[in-house]
Amino acid sequence: MEVKMADLPGIGKKISFITAEDSMIVLIVHHTGKRELYFFADKDNDEADFSINLSAEETRELGAQLLGAVFQPLDNDKMKLLKSQMVTEWVKLSKKSSIVNKTIGEAGIRKRTGVTIVGIFRDDETVIASPEVDQVLKAGDTLMAIGKQEHISFFEQICQGEESL
């Protein structure tokens, strides 16, 4: 990334950032505290594709967020480790399963298997995203579950009626 600073006499400072994708972000900081942010998809364009005015407080907050004050993404090595340990699986709930007609909470799925149900697909039409613990499980539901592979395997046995909780 290339950063350039220039004085704007009577106005303030101009700070230009050239990104790895050859776009450009320009920040004008006025002596009055006003900030103007401009985005150029192509650094050689004379007119900005987008601009916004920011207060000093908004600029500080944006800067803090860009620095990762609230959220720090995982680095690639940690993400690879997480992906190698976590599995997402779609499991059909058999009518002979011990958890049919029980709520997620009553079945104790997470506590007993380590698996979390993150979605339920019912009747080819109904989708229940992030189901609550009071959601009743029905025979024929396809459950979207996330967990470690060994936990998913145990959960699949339960859903097929081969193991009970």
Protein backbone atom coordinates (compact mmCIF):
# COMPACT_ATOMS: atom_id res chain seq x y z
CA MET A 1 0.00 0.00 0.00
CA GLU A 2 1.24 3.45 -0.87
CA VAL A 3 0.36 6.42 1.37
CA LYS A 4 0.90 10.04 0.37
CA MET A 5 0.31 13.19 2.41
CA ALA A 6 -0.01 16.70 1.09
CA ASP A 7 -0.74 20.08 2.65
CA LEU A 8 -3.82 21.87 1.37
CA PRO A 9 -3.12 25.54 2.19
CA GLY A 10 -6.04 27.13 4.00
CA ILE A 11 -7.89 23.79 4.16
CA GLY A 12 -5.85 21.13 5.97
CA LYS A 13 -4.25 17.85 4.87
CA LYS A 14 -4.87 15.38 2.07
CA ILE A 15 -3.96 11.75 2.73
CA SER A 16 -4.09 9.34 -0.21
CA PHE A 17 -4.00 5.55 0.08
CA ILE A 18 -3.31 3.44 -3.02
CA THR A 19 -4.55 -0.11 -2.41
CA ALA A 20 -3.17 -3.42 -3.68
CA GLU A 21 -6.08 -3.49 -6.15
CA ASP A 22 -5.01 -0.12 -7.63
CA SER A 23 -7.95 1.76 -6.19
CA MET A 24 -7.49 4.90 -4.11
CA ILE A 25 -8.95 6.24 -0.90
CA VAL A 26 -8.46 9.94 -0.19
CA LEU A 27 -9.06 11.51 3.21
CA ILE A 28 -9.24 15.30 3.46
CA VAL A 29 -8.86 16.54 7.04
CA HIS A 30 -9.93 20.17 7.37
CA HIS A 31 -8.52 22.55 9.97
CA THR A 32 -12.11 22.84 11.23
CA GLY A 33 -12.22 19.10 12.05
CA LYS A 34 -14.42 18.17 9.12
CA ARG A 35 -13.33 15.04 7.26
CA GLU A 36 -14.14 14.03 3.70
CA LEU A 37 -13.54 10.48 2.50
CA TYR A 38 -13.37 9.74 -1.23
CA PHE A 39 -13.13 6.37 -2.97
CA PHE A 40 -11.76 5.93 -6.50
CA ALA A 41 -12.18 2.45 -8.03
CA ASP A 42 -9.38 3.36 -10.43
CA LYS A 43 -6.61 5.47 -8.88
CA ASP A 44 -6.15 7.34 -12.18
CA ASN A 45 -9.75 8.64 -12.29
CA ASP A 46 -10.26 12.35 -11.68
CA GLU A 47 -13.73 11.91 -10.16
CA ALA A 48 -14.49 9.85 -7.08
CA ASP A 49 -16.90 6.93 -7.36
CA PHE A 50 -18.09 7.59 -3.82
CA SER A 51 -17.64 10.21 -1.13
CA ILE A 52 -18.82 10.77 2.41
CA ASN A 53 -18.44 13.46 5.06
CA LEU A 54 -17.45 12.27 8.54
CA SER A 55 -17.30 14.01 11.89
CA ALA A 56 -14.16 13.70 14.01
CA GLU A 57 -15.95 11.14 16.21
CA GLU A 58 -17.08 9.09 13.21
CA THR A 59 -13.55 9.12 11.82
CA ARG A 60 -12.10 7.90 15.12
CA GLU A 61 -14.71 5.12 15.31
CA LEU A 62 -14.05 4.04 11.73
CA GLY A 63 -10.32 4.02 12.43
CA ALA A 64 -10.81 1.96 15.59
CA GLN A 65 -12.91 -0.56 13.67
CA LEU A 66 -10.33 -0.79 10.90
CA LEU A 67 -7.67 -1.43 13.54
CA GLY A 68 -9.73 -4.28 14.95
CA ALA A 69 -10.85 -2.71 18.23
CA VAL A 70 -14.00 -4.85 18.37
CA PHE A 71 -13.43 -7.78 16.01
CA GLN A 72 -10.18 -9.51 15.14
CA PRO A 73 -10.46 -11.94 12.22
CA LEU A 74 -8.70 -15.27 12.59
CA ASP A 75 -5.43 -15.65 10.78
CA ASN A 76 -5.25 -18.33 8.07
CA ASP A 77 -3.50 -20.93 10.24
CA LYS A 78 -6.12 -20.66 12.98
CA MET A 79 -8.91 -20.74 10.38
CA LYS A 80 -7.47 -23.91 8.79
CA LEU A 81 -7.29 -25.54 12.23
CA LEU A 82 -10.89 -24.52 12.99
CA LYS A 83 -12.10 -25.81 9.62
CA SER A 84 -10.30 -29.11 10.11
CA GLN A 85 -12.03 -29.62 13.47
CA MET A 86 -15.53 -28.33 12.69
CA VAL A 87 -18.02 -30.01 10.38
CA THR A 88 -21.38 -28.89 9.08
CA GLU A 89 -23.75 -31.72 8.21
CA TRP A 90 -27.37 -32.07 7.06
CA VAL A 91 -29.02 -34.97 8.89
CA LYS A 92 -32.49 -36.36 8.17
CA LEU A 93 -34.52 -37.12 11.33
CA SER A 94 -35.97 -40.64 11.22
CA LYS A 95 -39.40 -41.34 12.72
CA LYS A 96 -37.78 -43.99 14.95
CA SER A 97 -35.38 -41.46 16.53
CA SER A 98 -35.72 -40.86 20.27
CA ILE A 99 -35.70 -37.07 19.74
CA VAL A 100 -38.77 -36.90 17.46
CA ASN A 101 -41.53 -34.69 18.93
CA LYS A 102 -39.14 -33.29 21.55
CA THR A 103 -37.87 -29.73 21.70
CA ILE A 104 -34.18 -29.12 21.09
CA GLY A 105 -33.90 -28.29 24.79
CA GLU A 106 -35.76 -31.40 25.97
CA ALA A 107 -33.58 -33.57 23.75
CA GLY A 108 -30.46 -32.00 25.29
CA ILE A 109 -28.68 -32.23 21.96
CA ARG A 110 -25.93 -29.71 22.55
CA LYS A 111 -25.25 -30.78 26.12
CA ARG A 112 -25.15 -34.49 25.34
CA THR A 113 -23.62 -34.56 21.87
CA GLY A 114 -21.66 -31.31 21.52
CA VAL A 115 -23.59 -30.58 18.31
CA THR A 116 -25.50 -27.37 17.66
CA ILE A 117 -28.54 -27.33 15.37
CA VAL A 118 -28.27 -24.16 13.28
CA GLY A 119 -31.15 -24.79 10.89
CA ILE A 120 -34.18 -26.97 10.28
CA PHE A 121 -35.60 -27.72 6.83
CA ARG A 122 -39.17 -29.02 7.03
CA ASP A 123 -41.62 -30.13 4.33
CA ASP A 124 -39.42 -28.81 1.48
CA GLU A 125 -40.91 -25.36 2.14
CA THR A 126 -40.25 -24.32 5.73
CA VAL A 127 -36.82 -23.15 6.81
CA ILE A 128 -36.18 -22.43 10.47
CA ALA A 129 -32.87 -20.58 10.80
CA SER A 130 -31.17 -20.49 14.20
CA PRO A 131 -33.93 -22.46 15.93
CA GLU A 132 -34.63 -21.74 19.58
CA VAL A 133 -34.40 -24.44 22.25
CA ASP A 134 -38.21 -24.67 22.38
CA GLN A 135 -38.41 -25.69 18.69
CA VAL A 136 -40.05 -29.13 18.35
CA LEU A 137 -38.23 -31.63 16.12
CA LYS A 138 -40.42 -33.60 13.71
CA ALA A 139 -39.86 -36.83 11.82
CA GLY A 140 -38.63 -36.02 8.31
CA ASP A 141 -36.94 -32.77 9.34
CA THR A 142 -33.51 -32.20 7.87
CA LEU A 143 -31.34 -30.74 10.59
CA MET A 144 -28.34 -28.58 9.76
CA ALA A 145 -25.85 -29.31 12.52
CA ILE A 146 -22.37 -28.08 13.32
CA GLY A 147 -19.79 -29.71 15.54
CA LYS A 148 -16.69 -31.89 15.64
CA GLN A 149 -16.77 -34.91 13.34
CA GLU A 150 -17.05 -37.44 16.18
CA HIS A 151 -19.94 -35.47 17.70
CA ILE A 152 -21.71 -35.28 14.34
CA SER A 153 -21.32 -39.05 13.91
CA PHE A 154 -22.97 -39.68 17.30
CA PHE A 155 -25.72 -37.16 16.46
CA GLU A 156 -26.38 -38.95 13.14
CA GLN A 157 -26.86 -42.23 15.01
CA ILE A 158 -29.38 -40.57 17.30
CA CYS A 159 -31.27 -39.05 14.36
CA GLN A 160 -31.42 -42.45 12.64
CA GLY A 161 -32.78 -44.10 15.80
CA GLU A 162 -29.67 -46.21 16.30
CA GLU A 163 -28.70 -44.60 19.60
CA SER A 164 -30.80 -42.85 22.23
CA LEU A 165 -29.98 -39.86 24.36
